[in-house]
């Protein structure tokens, strides 16, 4: 996403943000993480807990329906 944003012409950058539902702070945060070498899902420093990822509504629905079929 960061590479697509950086390679887009100036008039297209905001269109990418709207299409993906992103704020400028997302791009800034991801760019800094990439530049620091932390985009691989690894914690920033040893012993630092990794952030939990948010589940999509579809993932939650699948888990809920799987739980209902087991009961």
N, C-alpha and C. Protein backbone atom coordinates (compact mmCIF):
# COMPACT_ATOMS: atom_id res chain seq x y z
N UNK A 1 0.82 -1.18 0.00
CA UNK A 1 0.00 0.00 0.00
C UNK A 1 0.87 1.24 0.00
N UNK A 2 1.93 1.24 0.82
CA UNK A 2 2.81 2.40 0.89
C UNK A 2 3.47 2.63 -0.46
N UNK A 3 3.91 1.57 -1.11
CA UNK A 3 4.57 1.72 -2.41
C UNK A 3 3.59 2.26 -3.45
N UNK A 4 2.36 1.77 -3.44
CA UNK A 4 1.35 2.27 -4.38
C UNK A 4 1.11 3.76 -4.15
N UNK A 5 0.99 4.14 -2.89
CA UNK A 5 0.75 5.54 -2.53
C UNK A 5 1.92 6.42 -2.97
N UNK A 6 3.14 5.97 -2.69
CA UNK A 6 4.32 6.77 -3.03
C UNK A 6 4.51 6.89 -4.54
N UNK A 7 4.13 5.87 -5.29
CA UNK A 7 4.30 5.90 -6.74
C UNK A 7 3.19 6.61 -7.48
N UNK A 8 2.11 6.94 -6.78
CA UNK A 8 0.97 7.61 -7.42
C UNK A 8 1.28 9.09 -7.63
N UNK A 9 0.78 9.65 -8.74
CA UNK A 9 0.92 11.10 -8.94
C UNK A 9 0.17 11.84 -7.83
N UNK A 10 0.56 13.09 -7.59
CA UNK A 10 -0.02 13.85 -6.48
C UNK A 10 -1.54 13.87 -6.49
N UNK A 11 -2.18 14.02 -7.61
CA UNK A 11 -3.64 14.07 -7.66
C UNK A 11 -4.31 12.74 -7.34
N UNK A 12 -3.58 11.66 -7.43
CA UNK A 12 -4.14 10.33 -7.21
C UNK A 12 -3.98 9.84 -5.77
N UNK A 13 -3.11 10.46 -5.00
CA UNK A 13 -2.84 9.98 -3.64
C UNK A 13 -4.08 10.03 -2.76
N UNK A 14 -4.81 11.12 -2.83
CA UNK A 14 -6.02 11.21 -2.00
C UNK A 14 -7.09 10.24 -2.49
N UNK A 15 -7.11 9.94 -3.78
CA UNK A 15 -8.06 8.97 -4.31
C UNK A 15 -7.77 7.58 -3.74
N UNK A 16 -6.51 7.24 -3.58
CA UNK A 16 -6.13 5.96 -2.99
C UNK A 16 -6.59 5.91 -1.53
N UNK A 17 -6.38 7.01 -0.82
CA UNK A 17 -6.81 7.04 0.58
C UNK A 17 -8.32 6.87 0.69
N UNK A 18 -9.07 7.53 -0.15
CA UNK A 18 -10.53 7.40 -0.10
C UNK A 18 -10.96 5.98 -0.46
N UNK A 19 -10.36 5.43 -1.51
CA UNK A 19 -10.73 4.09 -1.96
C UNK A 19 -10.48 3.05 -0.87
N UNK A 20 -9.38 3.18 -0.15
CA UNK A 20 -9.01 2.21 0.87
C UNK A 20 -9.52 2.57 2.26
N UNK A 21 -10.12 3.75 2.40
CA UNK A 21 -10.62 4.18 3.70
C UNK A 21 -9.51 4.50 4.69
N UNK A 22 -8.44 5.12 4.20
CA UNK A 22 -7.28 5.41 5.04
C UNK A 22 -7.18 6.89 5.37
N UNK A 23 -6.55 7.18 6.47
CA UNK A 23 -6.21 8.54 6.85
C UNK A 23 -4.73 8.75 6.56
N UNK A 24 -4.31 10.00 6.40
CA UNK A 24 -2.87 10.25 6.17
C UNK A 24 -2.00 9.66 7.27
N UNK A 25 -2.50 9.62 8.49
CA UNK A 25 -1.72 9.07 9.60
C UNK A 25 -1.39 7.59 9.38
N UNK A 26 -2.29 6.85 8.70
CA UNK A 26 -2.00 5.44 8.40
C UNK A 26 -0.77 5.34 7.50
N UNK A 27 -0.75 6.14 6.46
CA UNK A 27 0.37 6.11 5.51
C UNK A 27 1.66 6.49 6.22
N UNK A 28 1.61 7.53 7.05
CA UNK A 28 2.80 7.97 7.77
C UNK A 28 3.30 6.87 8.70
N UNK A 29 2.39 6.25 9.44
CA UNK A 29 2.77 5.20 10.37
C UNK A 29 3.39 4.00 9.63
N UNK A 30 2.76 3.59 8.54
CA UNK A 30 3.27 2.45 7.79
C UNK A 30 4.59 2.76 7.12
N UNK A 31 4.76 3.99 6.65
CA UNK A 31 6.03 4.39 6.02
C UNK A 31 7.15 4.35 7.06
N UNK A 32 6.89 4.89 8.23
CA UNK A 32 7.90 4.87 9.30
C UNK A 32 8.23 3.44 9.71
N UNK A 33 7.21 2.58 9.81
CA UNK A 33 7.45 1.19 10.17
C UNK A 33 8.28 0.49 9.10
N UNK A 34 7.95 0.75 7.84
CA UNK A 34 8.72 0.14 6.75
C UNK A 34 10.17 0.60 6.79
N UNK A 35 10.37 1.90 6.98
CA UNK A 35 11.73 2.44 7.00
C UNK A 35 12.54 1.92 8.18
N UNK A 36 11.85 1.60 9.27
CA UNK A 36 12.52 1.06 10.44
C UNK A 36 12.67 -0.46 10.36
N UNK A 37 12.12 -1.07 9.30
CA UNK A 37 12.23 -2.52 9.12
C UNK A 37 11.26 -3.30 9.97
N UNK A 38 10.12 -2.71 10.33
CA UNK A 38 9.17 -3.38 11.22
C UNK A 38 7.88 -3.77 10.53
N UNK A 39 7.84 -3.91 9.25
CA UNK A 39 6.60 -4.27 8.58
C UNK A 39 6.39 -5.77 8.46
N UNK A 40 7.30 -6.56 8.94
CA UNK A 40 7.18 -8.01 8.84
C UNK A 40 6.33 -8.63 9.93
N UNK A 41 5.69 -7.82 10.75
CA UNK A 41 4.86 -8.34 11.81
C UNK A 41 5.64 -8.62 13.09
N UNK A 42 6.91 -8.27 13.12
CA UNK A 42 7.74 -8.48 14.30
C UNK A 42 7.56 -7.31 15.26
N UNK A 43 7.68 -7.55 16.55
CA UNK A 43 7.64 -6.45 17.51
C UNK A 43 8.80 -5.49 17.28
N UNK A 44 8.63 -4.25 17.69
CA UNK A 44 9.65 -3.23 17.47
C UNK A 44 10.95 -3.58 18.20
N UNK A 45 10.84 -4.06 19.43
CA UNK A 45 12.02 -4.43 20.21
C UNK A 45 11.74 -5.78 20.87
N UNK A 46 12.78 -6.53 21.18
CA UNK A 46 12.56 -7.79 21.88
C UNK A 46 11.81 -7.54 23.20
N UNK A 47 10.84 -8.38 23.46
CA UNK A 47 10.05 -8.23 24.68
C UNK A 47 8.85 -7.33 24.53
N UNK A 48 8.74 -6.60 23.42
CA UNK A 48 7.59 -5.74 23.19
C UNK A 48 6.49 -6.58 22.56
N UNK A 49 5.31 -6.62 23.16
CA UNK A 49 4.24 -7.44 22.57
C UNK A 49 3.80 -6.87 21.23
N UNK A 50 3.52 -7.76 20.30
CA UNK A 50 3.02 -7.34 18.99
C UNK A 50 1.58 -6.88 19.13
N UNK A 51 1.18 -5.93 18.30
CA UNK A 51 -0.20 -5.46 18.33
C UNK A 51 -1.12 -6.54 17.79
N UNK A 52 -2.28 -6.67 18.41
CA UNK A 52 -3.26 -7.62 17.92
C UNK A 52 -3.93 -7.03 16.70
N UNK A 53 -4.14 -7.86 15.70
CA UNK A 53 -4.80 -7.37 14.50
C UNK A 53 -6.30 -7.44 14.69
N UNK A 54 -6.98 -6.50 14.08
CA UNK A 54 -8.44 -6.50 14.17
C UNK A 54 -9.00 -7.54 13.22
N UNK A 55 -10.02 -8.23 13.67
CA UNK A 55 -10.67 -9.22 12.83
C UNK A 55 -11.73 -8.53 11.98
N UNK A 56 -11.86 -8.99 10.77
CA UNK A 56 -12.91 -8.45 9.91
C UNK A 56 -14.25 -9.02 10.34
N UNK A 57 -15.30 -8.35 9.94
CA UNK A 57 -16.65 -8.83 10.26
C UNK A 57 -16.87 -10.22 9.69
N UNK A 58 -16.30 -10.48 8.53
CA UNK A 58 -16.45 -11.79 7.89
C UNK A 58 -15.76 -12.88 8.73
N UNK A 59 -14.57 -12.59 9.27
CA UNK A 59 -13.87 -13.56 10.09
C UNK A 59 -14.66 -13.88 11.36
N UNK A 60 -15.20 -12.84 11.97
CA UNK A 60 -15.98 -13.03 13.19
C UNK A 60 -17.23 -13.86 12.91
N UNK A 61 -17.91 -13.56 11.81
CA UNK A 61 -19.11 -14.30 11.44
C UNK A 61 -18.78 -15.77 11.18
N UNK A 62 -17.68 -16.04 10.51
CA UNK A 62 -17.28 -17.43 10.25
C UNK A 62 -16.98 -18.16 11.55
N UNK A 63 -16.29 -17.50 12.47
CA UNK A 63 -16.00 -18.13 13.75
C UNK A 63 -17.28 -18.39 14.55
N UNK A 64 -18.20 -17.42 14.51
CA UNK A 64 -19.45 -17.59 15.23
C UNK A 64 -20.29 -18.73 14.65
N UNK A 65 -20.35 -18.80 13.31
CA UNK A 65 -21.14 -19.86 12.70
C UNK A 65 -20.49 -21.21 12.92
N UNK A 66 -19.18 -21.28 12.95
CA UNK A 66 -18.49 -22.53 13.22
C UNK A 66 -18.77 -22.99 14.64
N UNK A 67 -18.83 -22.05 15.57
CA UNK A 67 -19.14 -22.38 16.96
C UNK A 67 -20.56 -22.89 17.14
N UNK A 68 -21.49 -22.34 16.36
CA UNK A 68 -22.88 -22.77 16.45
C UNK A 68 -23.08 -24.17 15.91
N UNK A 69 -22.33 -24.54 14.88
CA UNK A 69 -22.49 -25.87 14.30
C UNK A 69 -21.89 -26.94 15.20
N UNK A 70 -20.92 -26.57 16.05
CA UNK A 70 -20.30 -27.54 16.95
C UNK A 70 -21.18 -27.83 18.15
N UNK A 71 -22.01 -26.89 18.53
CA UNK A 71 -22.83 -27.06 19.75
C UNK A 71 -24.03 -27.90 19.51
